[in-house]
PDB file of N, CA and C in Angstrom:
ATOM      1  N   UNK A   1      -2.636 -21.947  -4.534  1.00  0.00           N
ATOM      2  CA  UNK A   1      -2.163 -20.681  -5.078  1.00  0.00           C
ATOM      3  C   UNK A   1      -0.702 -20.503  -4.644  1.00  0.00           C
ATOM      4  N   UNK A   2       0.158 -20.198  -5.607  1.00  0.00           N
ATOM      5  CA  UNK A   2       1.561 -19.991  -5.261  1.00  0.00           C
ATOM      6  C   UNK A   2       1.875 -18.488  -5.171  1.00  0.00           C
ATOM      7  N   UNK A   3       3.071 -18.173  -4.754  1.00  0.00           N
ATOM      8  CA  UNK A   3       3.459 -16.782  -4.503  1.00  0.00           C
ATOM      9  C   UNK A   3       3.428 -15.947  -5.779  1.00  0.00           C
ATOM     10  N   UNK A   4       3.748 -16.538  -6.920  1.00  0.00           N
ATOM     11  CA  UNK A   4       3.713 -15.799  -8.186  1.00  0.00           C
ATOM     12  C   UNK A   4       2.298 -15.344  -8.519  1.00  0.00           C
ATOM     13  N   UNK A   5       1.327 -16.198  -8.219  1.00  0.00           N
ATOM     14  CA  UNK A   5      -0.066 -15.832  -8.470  1.00  0.00           C
ATOM     15  C   UNK A   5      -0.509 -14.685  -7.569  1.00  0.00           C
ATOM     16  N   UNK A   6       0.029 -14.634  -6.379  1.00  0.00           N
ATOM     17  CA  UNK A   6      -0.309 -13.563  -5.446  1.00  0.00           C
ATOM     18  C   UNK A   6       0.307 -12.242  -5.908  1.00  0.00           C
ATOM     19  N   UNK A   7       1.532 -12.285  -6.388  1.00  0.00           N
ATOM     20  CA  UNK A   7       2.247 -11.075  -6.802  1.00  0.00           C
ATOM     21  C   UNK A   7       1.857 -10.577  -8.191  1.00  0.00           C
ATOM     22  N   UNK A   8       1.277 -11.432  -9.011  1.00  0.00           N
ATOM     23  CA  UNK A   8       0.976 -11.083 -10.395  1.00  0.00           C
ATOM     24  C   UNK A   8       0.135  -9.814 -10.549  1.00  0.00           C
ATOM     25  N   UNK A   9      -0.948  -9.631  -9.790  1.00  0.00           N
ATOM     26  CA  UNK A   9      -1.722  -8.386  -9.954  1.00  0.00           C
ATOM     27  C   UNK A   9      -0.917  -7.129  -9.600  1.00  0.00           C
ATOM     28  N   UNK A  10      -0.001  -7.256  -8.678  1.00  0.00           N
ATOM     29  CA  UNK A  10       0.827  -6.116  -8.286  1.00  0.00           C
ATOM     30  C   UNK A  10       1.854  -5.826  -9.369  1.00  0.00           C
ATOM     31  N   UNK A  11       2.483  -6.864  -9.870  1.00  0.00           N
ATOM     32  CA  UNK A  11       3.521  -6.710 -10.886  1.00  0.00           C
ATOM     33  C   UNK A  11       2.958  -6.125 -12.178  1.00  0.00           C
ATOM     34  N   UNK A  12       1.745  -6.516 -12.532  1.00  0.00           N
ATOM     35  CA  UNK A  12       1.153  -6.061 -13.786  1.00  0.00           C
ATOM     36  C   UNK A  12       0.348  -4.781 -13.648  1.00  0.00           C
ATOM     37  N   UNK A  13       0.241  -4.243 -12.448  1.00  0.00           N
ATOM     38  CA  UNK A  13      -0.532  -3.017 -12.217  1.00  0.00           C
ATOM     39  C   UNK A  13       0.178  -1.810 -12.828  1.00  0.00           C
ATOM     40  N   UNK A  14      -0.589  -0.781 -13.047  1.00  0.00           N
ATOM     41  CA  UNK A  14      -0.015   0.481 -13.518  1.00  0.00           C
ATOM     42  C   UNK A  14       0.991   0.997 -12.497  1.00  0.00           C
ATOM     43  N   UNK A  15       1.979   1.776 -12.927  1.00  0.00           N
ATOM     44  CA  UNK A  15       2.989   2.283 -11.990  1.00  0.00           C
ATOM     45  C   UNK A  15       2.381   3.055 -10.819  1.00  0.00           C
ATOM     46  N   UNK A  16       1.342   3.827 -11.084  1.00  0.00           N
ATOM     47  CA  UNK A  16       0.703   4.592 -10.012  1.00  0.00           C
ATOM     48  C   UNK A  16       0.069   3.670  -8.979  1.00  0.00           C
ATOM     49  N   UNK A  17      -0.548   2.615  -9.438  1.00  0.00           N
ATOM     50  CA  UNK A  17      -1.180   1.648  -8.533  1.00  0.00           C
ATOM     51  C   UNK A  17      -0.117   0.927  -7.715  1.00  0.00           C
ATOM     52  N   UNK A  18       0.977   0.542  -8.357  1.00  0.00           N
ATOM     53  CA  UNK A  18       2.083  -0.110  -7.627  1.00  0.00           C
ATOM     54  C   UNK A  18       2.633   0.817  -6.549  1.00  0.00           C
ATOM     55  N   UNK A  19       2.764   2.109  -6.864  1.00  0.00           N
ATOM     56  CA  UNK A  19       3.269   3.064  -5.872  1.00  0.00           C
ATOM     57  C   UNK A  19       2.321   3.158  -4.679  1.00  0.00           C
ATOM     58  N   UNK A  20       1.022   3.215  -4.946  1.00  0.00           N
ATOM     59  CA  UNK A  20       0.046   3.273  -3.853  1.00  0.00           C
ATOM     60  C   UNK A  20       0.147   2.017  -2.997  1.00  0.00           C
ATOM     61  N   UNK A  21       0.199   0.857  -3.626  1.00  0.00           N
ATOM     62  CA  UNK A  21       0.294  -0.404  -2.885  1.00  0.00           C
ATOM     63  C   UNK A  21       1.551  -0.420  -2.021  1.00  0.00           C
ATOM     64  N   UNK A  22       2.672  -0.034  -2.591  1.00  0.00           N
ATOM     65  CA  UNK A  22       3.938  -0.057  -1.849  1.00  0.00           C
ATOM     66  C   UNK A  22       3.921   0.914  -0.670  1.00  0.00           C
ATOM     67  N   UNK A  23       3.412   2.106  -0.894  1.00  0.00           N
ATOM     68  CA  UNK A  23       3.387   3.098   0.187  1.00  0.00           C
ATOM     69  C   UNK A  23       2.428   2.707   1.306  1.00  0.00           C
ATOM     70  N   UNK A  24       1.274   2.150   0.957  1.00  0.00           N
ATOM     71  CA  UNK A  24       0.324   1.693   1.979  1.00  0.00           C
ATOM     72  C   UNK A  24       0.907   0.514   2.737  1.00  0.00           C
ATOM     73  N   UNK A  25       1.593  -0.391   2.022  1.00  0.00           N
ATOM     74  CA  UNK A  25       2.226  -1.535   2.676  1.00  0.00           C
ATOM     75  C   UNK A  25       3.280  -1.063   3.683  1.00  0.00           C
ATOM     76  N   UNK A  26       4.113  -0.109   3.285  1.00  0.00           N
ATOM     77  CA  UNK A  26       5.136   0.414   4.194  1.00  0.00           C
ATOM     78  C   UNK A  26       4.509   1.106   5.391  1.00  0.00           C
ATOM     79  N   UNK A  27       3.435   1.860   5.148  1.00  0.00           N
ATOM     80  CA  UNK A  27       2.732   2.535   6.233  1.00  0.00           C
ATOM     81  C   UNK A  27       2.207   1.520   7.238  1.00  0.00           C
ATOM     82  N   UNK A  28       1.548   0.495   6.750  1.00  0.00           N
ATOM     83  CA  UNK A  28       0.993  -0.525   7.635  1.00  0.00           C
ATOM     84  C   UNK A  28       2.101  -1.295   8.351  1.00  0.00           C
ATOM     85  N   UNK A  29       3.182  -1.583   7.663  1.00  0.00           N
ATOM     86  CA  UNK A  29       4.316  -2.274   8.291  1.00  0.00           C
ATOM     87  C   UNK A  29       4.867  -1.447   9.450  1.00  0.00           C
ATOM     88  N   UNK A  30       5.045  -0.161   9.238  1.00  0.00           N
ATOM     89  CA  UNK A  30       5.536   0.720  10.303  1.00  0.00           C
ATOM     90  C   UNK A  30       4.557   0.773  11.476  1.00  0.00           C
ATOM     91  N   UNK A  31       3.280   0.822  11.163  1.00  0.00           N
ATOM     92  CA  UNK A  31       2.268   0.865  12.223  1.00  0.00           C
ATOM     93  C   UNK A  31       2.301  -0.417  13.054  1.00  0.00           C
ATOM     94  N   UNK A  32       2.466  -1.550  12.389  1.00  0.00           N
ATOM     95  CA  UNK A  32       2.509  -2.818  13.113  1.00  0.00           C
ATOM     96  C   UNK A  32       3.763  -2.928  13.977  1.00  0.00           C
ATOM     97  N   UNK A  33       4.893  -2.457  13.445  1.00  0.00           N
ATOM     98  CA  UNK A  33       6.140  -2.502  14.213  1.00  0.00           C
ATOM     99  C   UNK A  33       6.058  -1.632  15.457  1.00  0.00           C
ATOM    100  N   UNK A  34       5.376  -0.501  15.340  1.00  0.00           N
ATOM    101  CA  UNK A  34       5.249   0.430  16.469  1.00  0.00           C
ATOM    102  C   UNK A  34       4.033   0.135  17.328  1.00  0.00           C
ATOM    103  N   UNK A  35       3.240  -0.855  16.898  1.00  0.00           N
ATOM    104  CA  UNK A  35       2.018  -1.252  17.600  1.00  0.00           C
ATOM    105  C   UNK A  35       1.044  -0.080  17.748  1.00  0.00           C
ATOM    106  N   UNK A  36       0.900   0.670  16.672  1.00  0.00           N
ATOM    107  CA  UNK A  36      -0.019   1.808  16.641  1.00  0.00           C
ATOM    108  C   UNK A  36      -1.408   1.289  16.299  1.00  0.00           C
ATOM    109  N   UNK A  37      -2.402   1.702  17.080  1.00  0.00           N
ATOM    110  CA  UNK A  37      -3.758   1.220  16.863  1.00  0.00           C
ATOM    111  C   UNK A  37      -4.694   2.306  16.327  1.00  0.00           C
ATOM    112  N   UNK A  38      -4.144   3.397  15.859  1.00  0.00           N
ATOM    113  CA  UNK A  38      -4.993   4.467  15.342  1.00  0.00           C
ATOM    114  C   UNK A  38      -5.506   4.117  13.955  1.00  0.00           C
ATOM    115  N   UNK A  39      -6.447   4.912  13.477  1.00  0.00           N
ATOM    116  CA  UNK A  39      -7.045   4.676  12.161  1.00  0.00           C
ATOM    117  C   UNK A  39      -6.051   5.019  11.059  1.00  0.00           C
ATOM    118  N   UNK A  40      -6.078   4.241  10.014  1.00  0.00           N
ATOM    119  CA  UNK A  40      -5.132   4.402   8.919  1.00  0.00           C
ATOM    120  C   UNK A  40      -5.789   5.038   7.687  1.00  0.00           C
ATOM    121  N   UNK A  41      -7.109   5.142   7.681  1.00  0.00           N
ATOM    122  CA  UNK A  41      -7.839   5.596   6.500  1.00  0.00           C
ATOM    123  C   UNK A  41      -7.383   6.961   5.991  1.00  0.00           C
ATOM    124  N   UNK A  42      -7.189   7.926   6.875  1.00  0.00           N
ATOM    125  CA  UNK A  42      -6.765   9.267   6.446  1.00  0.00           C
ATOM    126  C   UNK A  42      -5.399   9.218   5.763  1.00  0.00           C
ATOM    127  N   UNK A  43      -4.509   8.389   6.282  1.00  0.00           N
ATOM    128  CA  UNK A  43      -3.180   8.255   5.681  1.00  0.00           C
ATOM    129  C   UNK A  43      -3.266   7.624   4.292  1.00  0.00           C
ATOM    130  N   UNK A  44      -4.133   6.645   4.138  1.00  0.00           N
ATOM    131  CA  UNK A  44      -4.295   5.998   2.833  1.00  0.00           C
ATOM    132  C   UNK A  44      -4.884   6.978   1.828  1.00  0.00           C
ATOM    133  N   UNK A  45      -5.872   7.750   2.221  1.00  0.00           N
ATOM    134  CA  UNK A  45      -6.465   8.751   1.331  1.00  0.00           C
ATOM    135  C   UNK A  45      -5.413   9.774   0.918  1.00  0.00           C
ATOM    136  N   UNK A  46      -4.575  10.195   1.850  1.00  0.00           N
ATOM    137  CA  UNK A  46      -3.507  11.149   1.544  1.00  0.00           C
ATOM    138  C   UNK A  46      -2.541  10.576   0.518  1.00  0.00           C
ATOM    139  N   UNK A  47      -2.139   9.326   0.692  1.00  0.00           N
ATOM    140  CA  UNK A  47      -1.225   8.671  -0.247  1.00  0.00           C
ATOM    141  C   UNK A  47      -1.849   8.621  -1.639  1.00  0.00           C
ATOM    142  N   UNK A  48      -3.106   8.222  -1.722  1.00  0.00           N
ATOM    143  CA  UNK A  48      -3.774   8.131  -3.028  1.00  0.00           C
ATOM    144  C   UNK A  48      -3.834   9.501  -3.699  1.00  0.00           C
ATOM    145  N   UNK A  49      -4.189  10.523  -2.950  1.00  0.00           N
ATOM    146  CA  UNK A  49      -4.271  11.873  -3.523  1.00  0.00           C
ATOM    147  C   UNK A  49      -2.914  12.341  -4.024  1.00  0.00           C
ATOM    148  N   UNK A  50      -1.848  12.052  -3.277  1.00  0.00           N
ATOM    149  CA  UNK A  50      -0.500  12.461  -3.702  1.00  0.00           C
ATOM    150  C   UNK A  50      -0.095  11.756  -4.982  1.00  0.00           C
ATOM    151  N   UNK A  51      -0.401  10.488  -5.107  1.00  0.00           N
ATOM    152  CA  UNK A  51      -0.004   9.721  -6.289  1.00  0.00           C
ATOM    153  C   UNK A  51      -0.838  10.116  -7.509  1.00  0.00           C
ATOM    154  N   UNK A  52      -2.096  10.382  -7.315  1.00  0.00           N
ATOM    155  CA  UNK A  52      -2.981  10.706  -8.439  1.00  0.00           C
ATOM    156  C   UNK A  52      -2.680  12.073  -9.028  1.00  0.00           C
ATOM    157  N   UNK A  53      -2.176  12.972  -8.234  1.00  0.00           N
ATOM    158  CA  UNK A  53      -1.873  14.322  -8.738  1.00  0.00           C
ATOM    159  C   UNK A  53      -0.899  14.294  -9.813  1.00  0.00           C
TER     160      UNK A  53
END
């Protein structure tokens, strides 16, 4: 599997789905950089609710 195959579902996703993916990715990246070990589920639910509105 090459990198294009990995990115294809993201590239072809609806704009709302791409926004959710990008925001969750940034959230997780920040958490990893800060070495935060708390639960992320509430933050992901919040992001989804904001985008769906």
